[in-house]
Amino acid sequence: MTIATLSLSELRTVLSRAIDSVAEALGDDVAIGSSTYWKIESTDSFDMSSSPTVNVGSLADDIEHIHALRDAGPIESSISPWHDLDHLIGVLSRLSMMTRA
C-alpha cells in the first residue's frame, strides 16, 4: 500500500474553498445548534485491530473552543493541535450534514 502525503498548503486552500461553498449555501452566520453528536476519538479512528469507543461530542463546546482560539491570538495559545482539530471536526461534520441536499 502506498503511503499518502498531503501538503498542508493544499489542505488550507481546499478548506477555504469548502468554507466559501458553505457560506454560499448557508450564509456567513450559521445557526449551527448546540446539539450533541457521536464522536470517535482520533486515536481509535485508525486502529482497525479493535472496535472504537464511541463518545459524545458537543457542538456548543466545539464552538466555545473555536471562539476561545480566535480571541487568544497567537498560535502558542492553542491547547494542542489534536485538541483544536477535534473541535473543528465536530463543526465541520455538522456543516457537512447541513449542506447535504
N, C-alpha and C. Protein backbone atom coordinates (compact mmCIF):
# COMPACT_ATOMS: atom_id res chain seq x y z
N MET A 1 0.84 -1.18 0.00
CA MET A 1 0.00 0.00 0.00
C MET A 1 0.89 1.24 0.00
N THR A 2 0.52 2.23 -0.80
CA THR A 2 1.25 3.49 -0.89
C THR A 2 0.86 4.39 0.27
N ILE A 3 1.86 5.00 0.88
CA ILE A 3 1.59 5.94 1.97
C ILE A 3 1.28 7.29 1.35
N ALA A 4 0.13 7.82 1.69
CA ALA A 4 -0.30 9.11 1.16
C ALA A 4 0.38 10.26 1.90
N THR A 5 0.70 11.29 1.16
CA THR A 5 1.22 12.51 1.77
C THR A 5 0.29 13.65 1.39
N LEU A 6 0.33 14.69 2.18
CA LEU A 6 -0.57 15.81 1.99
C LEU A 6 0.17 17.11 2.26
N SER A 7 0.05 18.04 1.35
CA SER A 7 0.59 19.38 1.56
C SER A 7 -0.42 20.16 2.40
N LEU A 8 0.02 20.68 3.54
CA LEU A 8 -0.88 21.46 4.38
C LEU A 8 -1.31 22.74 3.68
N SER A 9 -0.50 23.24 2.79
CA SER A 9 -0.89 24.40 1.99
C SER A 9 -2.08 24.05 1.09
N GLU A 10 -2.04 22.88 0.47
CA GLU A 10 -3.17 22.42 -0.35
C GLU A 10 -4.42 22.25 0.51
N LEU A 11 -4.24 21.65 1.69
CA LEU A 11 -5.37 21.44 2.59
C LEU A 11 -5.98 22.78 2.99
N ARG A 12 -5.15 23.76 3.30
CA ARG A 12 -5.64 25.10 3.66
C ARG A 12 -6.46 25.70 2.52
N THR A 13 -5.98 25.54 1.29
CA THR A 13 -6.69 26.07 0.12
C THR A 13 -8.04 25.38 -0.05
N VAL A 14 -8.05 24.06 0.05
CA VAL A 14 -9.29 23.31 -0.14
C VAL A 14 -10.28 23.59 0.98
N LEU A 15 -9.80 23.69 2.22
CA LEU A 15 -10.70 24.04 3.33
C LEU A 15 -11.31 25.42 3.12
N SER A 16 -10.52 26.35 2.66
CA SER A 16 -11.02 27.70 2.40
C SER A 16 -12.11 27.66 1.33
N ARG A 17 -11.89 26.90 0.28
CA ARG A 17 -12.90 26.77 -0.77
C ARG A 17 -14.17 26.11 -0.24
N ALA A 18 -14.00 25.09 0.59
CA ALA A 18 -15.16 24.41 1.16
C ALA A 18 -15.96 25.36 2.05
N ILE A 19 -15.28 26.15 2.86
CA ILE A 19 -15.94 27.12 3.73
C ILE A 19 -16.67 28.17 2.88
N ASP A 20 -16.05 28.61 1.80
CA ASP A 20 -16.70 29.56 0.88
C ASP A 20 -17.98 28.95 0.32
N SER A 21 -17.93 27.69 -0.04
CA SER A 21 -19.10 27.00 -0.58
C SER A 21 -20.21 26.89 0.46
N VAL A 22 -19.84 26.60 1.70
CA VAL A 22 -20.83 26.54 2.79
C VAL A 22 -21.45 27.91 3.00
N ALA A 23 -20.64 28.96 2.97
CA ALA A 23 -21.14 30.33 3.15
C ALA A 23 -22.12 30.69 2.04
N GLU A 24 -21.83 30.24 0.84
CA GLU A 24 -22.74 30.49 -0.27
C GLU A 24 -24.07 29.78 -0.07
N ALA A 25 -24.02 28.59 0.48
CA ALA A 25 -25.24 27.80 0.69
C ALA A 25 -26.02 28.23 1.93
N LEU A 26 -25.32 28.58 3.01
CA LEU A 26 -25.98 28.82 4.30
C LEU A 26 -25.86 30.25 4.82
N GLY A 27 -25.03 31.05 4.18
CA GLY A 27 -24.79 32.40 4.67
C GLY A 27 -23.56 32.44 5.55
N ASP A 28 -23.16 33.65 5.91
CA ASP A 28 -21.94 33.83 6.69
C ASP A 28 -22.10 33.44 8.16
N ASP A 29 -23.25 33.68 8.73
CA ASP A 29 -23.51 33.31 10.13
C ASP A 29 -24.48 32.14 10.14
N VAL A 30 -23.99 31.00 10.58
CA VAL A 30 -24.77 29.76 10.52
C VAL A 30 -25.28 29.40 11.91
N ALA A 31 -26.58 29.19 12.02
CA ALA A 31 -27.17 28.69 13.27
C ALA A 31 -26.88 27.20 13.33
N ILE A 32 -25.74 26.87 13.92
CA ILE A 32 -25.24 25.50 13.89
C ILE A 32 -25.87 24.61 14.94
N GLY A 33 -26.49 25.21 15.95
CA GLY A 33 -27.14 24.45 17.01
C GLY A 33 -26.17 24.10 18.12
N SER A 34 -26.71 23.55 19.16
CA SER A 34 -25.86 23.16 20.29
C SER A 34 -26.07 21.70 20.65
N SER A 35 -26.38 20.93 19.63
CA SER A 35 -26.69 19.53 19.88
C SER A 35 -25.43 18.70 20.12
N THR A 36 -25.65 17.53 20.61
CA THR A 36 -24.58 16.57 20.81
C THR A 36 -24.50 15.65 19.60
N TYR A 37 -23.39 14.97 19.47
CA TYR A 37 -23.18 14.08 18.34
C TYR A 37 -22.28 12.92 18.76
N TRP A 38 -22.32 11.85 17.97
CA TRP A 38 -21.45 10.71 18.21
C TRP A 38 -20.05 11.06 17.76
N LYS A 39 -19.07 10.65 18.55
CA LYS A 39 -17.69 11.00 18.29
C LYS A 39 -16.80 9.79 18.53
N ILE A 40 -15.92 9.54 17.59
CA ILE A 40 -14.90 8.50 17.76
C ILE A 40 -13.56 9.22 17.89
N GLU A 41 -12.84 8.95 18.94
CA GLU A 41 -11.56 9.61 19.16
C GLU A 41 -10.59 9.29 18.03
N SER A 42 -9.77 10.28 17.66
CA SER A 42 -8.85 10.08 16.55
C SER A 42 -7.89 8.92 16.81
N THR A 43 -7.56 8.67 18.07
CA THR A 43 -6.67 7.54 18.38
C THR A 43 -7.33 6.20 18.05
N ASP A 44 -8.65 6.15 18.12
CA ASP A 44 -9.38 4.92 17.79
C ASP A 44 -9.73 4.83 16.31
N SER A 45 -9.83 5.95 15.64
CA SER A 45 -10.33 6.00 14.26
C SER A 45 -9.50 5.21 13.27
N PHE A 46 -8.22 5.09 13.51
CA PHE A 46 -7.33 4.45 12.55
C PHE A 46 -6.75 3.14 13.06
N ASP A 47 -7.26 2.65 14.17
CA ASP A 47 -6.84 1.37 14.72
C ASP A 47 -7.88 0.32 14.34
N MET A 48 -7.62 -0.42 13.28
CA MET A 48 -8.58 -1.40 12.79
C MET A 48 -8.49 -2.74 13.53
N SER A 49 -7.60 -2.81 14.54
CA SER A 49 -7.45 -4.07 15.28
C SER A 49 -8.48 -4.23 16.38
N SER A 50 -9.22 -3.15 16.68
CA SER A 50 -10.26 -3.25 17.71
C SER A 50 -11.40 -2.28 17.38
N SER A 51 -12.53 -2.53 18.01
CA SER A 51 -13.68 -1.65 17.81
C SER A 51 -13.46 -0.34 18.56
N PRO A 52 -13.85 0.78 17.95
CA PRO A 52 -13.64 2.07 18.62
C PRO A 52 -14.62 2.29 19.77
N THR A 53 -14.21 3.12 20.69
CA THR A 53 -15.09 3.57 21.74
C THR A 53 -15.83 4.79 21.22
N VAL A 54 -17.14 4.77 21.34
CA VAL A 54 -17.95 5.90 20.87
C VAL A 54 -18.23 6.81 22.06
N ASN A 55 -17.95 8.09 21.86
CA ASN A 55 -18.19 9.10 22.89
C ASN A 55 -19.23 10.09 22.39
N VAL A 56 -19.56 11.06 23.21
CA VAL A 56 -20.50 12.11 22.82
C VAL A 56 -19.74 13.42 22.75
N GLY A 57 -19.86 14.11 21.61
CA GLY A 57 -19.29 15.43 21.45
C GLY A 57 -20.37 16.48 21.59
N SER A 58 -19.97 17.72 21.79
CA SER A 58 -20.92 18.82 21.97
C SER A 58 -20.56 19.96 21.03
N LEU A 59 -21.50 20.33 20.16
CA LEU A 59 -21.26 21.46 19.27
C LEU A 59 -21.09 22.76 20.06
N ALA A 60 -21.82 22.90 21.15
CA ALA A 60 -21.68 24.11 21.97
C ALA A 60 -20.25 24.21 22.50
N ASP A 61 -19.70 23.09 22.96
CA ASP A 61 -18.32 23.06 23.45
C ASP A 61 -17.34 23.33 22.31
N ASP A 62 -17.60 22.74 21.13
CA ASP A 62 -16.74 22.96 19.97
C ASP A 62 -16.70 24.44 19.60
N ILE A 63 -17.85 25.07 19.53
CA ILE A 63 -17.91 26.47 19.14
C ILE A 63 -17.26 27.36 20.20
N GLU A 64 -17.47 27.04 21.46
CA GLU A 64 -16.83 27.80 22.54
C GLU A 64 -15.31 27.73 22.41
N HIS A 65 -14.80 26.54 22.10
CA HIS A 65 -13.35 26.37 21.93
C HIS A 65 -12.84 27.17 20.72
N ILE A 66 -13.58 27.13 19.63
CA ILE A 66 -13.19 27.88 18.43
C ILE A 66 -13.16 29.37 18.73
N HIS A 67 -14.15 29.87 19.46
CA HIS A 67 -14.17 31.30 19.84
C HIS A 67 -12.99 31.64 20.74
N ALA A 68 -12.64 30.74 21.66
CA ALA A 68 -11.50 30.98 22.55
C ALA A 68 -10.20 31.04 21.75
N LEU A 69 -10.05 30.17 20.77
CA LEU A 69 -8.85 30.21 19.92
C LEU A 69 -8.79 31.51 19.12
N ARG A 70 -9.93 31.91 18.58
CA ARG A 70 -9.99 33.15 17.82
C ARG A 70 -9.57 34.34 18.68
N ASP A 71 -10.06 34.39 19.90
CA ASP A 71 -9.81 35.52 20.78
C ASP A 71 -8.42 35.50 21.40
N ALA A 72 -7.79 34.32 21.45
CA ALA A 72 -6.50 34.18 22.12
C ALA A 72 -5.36 34.80 21.33
N GLY A 73 -5.46 34.80 20.01
CA GLY A 73 -4.40 35.40 19.21
C GLY A 73 -3.36 34.41 18.75
N PRO A 74 -2.14 34.52 19.26
CA PRO A 74 -1.02 33.73 18.75
C PRO A 74 -1.26 32.22 18.84
N ILE A 75 -0.62 31.52 17.94
CA ILE A 75 -0.77 30.07 17.86
C ILE A 75 -0.32 29.39 19.15
N GLU A 76 0.59 30.01 19.90
CA GLU A 76 1.07 29.42 21.15
C GLU A 76 -0.04 29.25 22.18
N SER A 77 -1.14 29.97 22.00
CA SER A 77 -2.24 29.89 22.96
C SER A 77 -3.08 28.62 22.75
N SER A 78 -2.82 27.91 21.68
CA SER A 78 -3.55 26.68 21.41
C SER A 78 -3.23 25.65 22.48
N ILE A 79 -4.24 24.90 22.90
CA ILE A 79 -4.01 23.83 23.88
C ILE A 79 -3.08 22.80 23.27
N SER A 80 -3.45 22.27 22.14
CA SER A 80 -2.63 21.35 21.37
C SER A 80 -3.31 21.12 20.03
N PRO A 81 -2.54 20.82 19.01
CA PRO A 81 -3.14 20.65 17.68
C PRO A 81 -4.24 19.60 17.64
N TRP A 82 -4.03 18.44 18.28
CA TRP A 82 -5.05 17.39 18.21
C TRP A 82 -6.35 17.86 18.86
N HIS A 83 -6.26 18.58 19.94
CA HIS A 83 -7.45 19.05 20.65
C HIS A 83 -8.21 20.07 19.81
N ASP A 84 -7.47 21.01 19.23
CA ASP A 84 -8.09 22.02 18.37
C ASP A 84 -8.75 21.36 17.16
N LEU A 85 -8.05 20.43 16.53
CA LEU A 85 -8.60 19.75 15.35
C LEU A 85 -9.84 18.93 15.70
N ASP A 86 -9.84 18.29 16.86
CA ASP A 86 -11.03 17.52 17.26
C ASP A 86 -12.27 18.42 17.36
N HIS A 87 -12.10 19.63 17.87
CA HIS A 87 -13.23 20.56 17.93
C HIS A 87 -13.66 21.01 16.54
N LEU A 88 -12.71 21.23 15.66
CA LEU A 88 -13.05 21.60 14.28
C LEU A 88 -13.78 20.46 13.57
N ILE A 89 -13.38 19.23 13.82
CA ILE A 89 -14.02 18.08 13.17
C ILE A 89 -15.50 18.04 13.49
N GLY A 90 -15.87 18.30 14.75
CA GLY A 90 -17.28 18.30 15.12
C GLY A 90 -18.07 19.34 14.33
N VAL A 91 -17.53 20.54 14.22
CA VAL A 91 -18.21 21.62 13.50
C VAL A 91 -18.25 21.32 12.00
N LEU A 92 -17.15 20.85 11.45
CA LEU A 92 -17.12 20.52 10.03
C LEU A 92 -18.09 19.39 9.69
N SER A 93 -18.21 18.41 10.57
CA SER A 93 -19.18 17.33 10.34
C SER A 93 -20.60 17.87 10.35
N ARG A 94 -20.89 18.79 11.25
CA ARG A 94 -22.22 19.40 11.31
C ARG A 94 -22.51 20.20 10.03
N LEU A 95 -21.52 20.97 9.57
CA LEU A 95 -21.71 21.72 8.33
C LEU A 95 -21.90 20.78 7.15
N SER A 96 -21.20 19.67 7.15
CA SER A 96 -21.38 18.67 6.09
C SER A 96 -22.81 18.16 6.09
N MET A 97 -23.33 17.84 7.28
CA MET A 97 -24.70 17.36 7.40
C MET A 97 -25.70 18.41 6.93
N MET A 98 -25.46 19.67 7.30
CA MET A 98 -26.40 20.75 6.98
C MET A 98 -26.44 21.08 5.48
N THR A 99 -25.36 20.80 4.76
CA THR A 99 -25.32 21.15 3.34
C THR A 99 -25.65 19.97 2.42
N ARG A 100 -25.96 18.83 3.00
CA ARG A 100 -26.38 17.70 2.15
C ARG A 100 -27.76 17.98 1.59
N ALA A 101 -27.87 17.77 0.31
CA ALA A 101 -29.18 18.04 -0.33
C ALA A 101 -29.84 16.75 -0.76
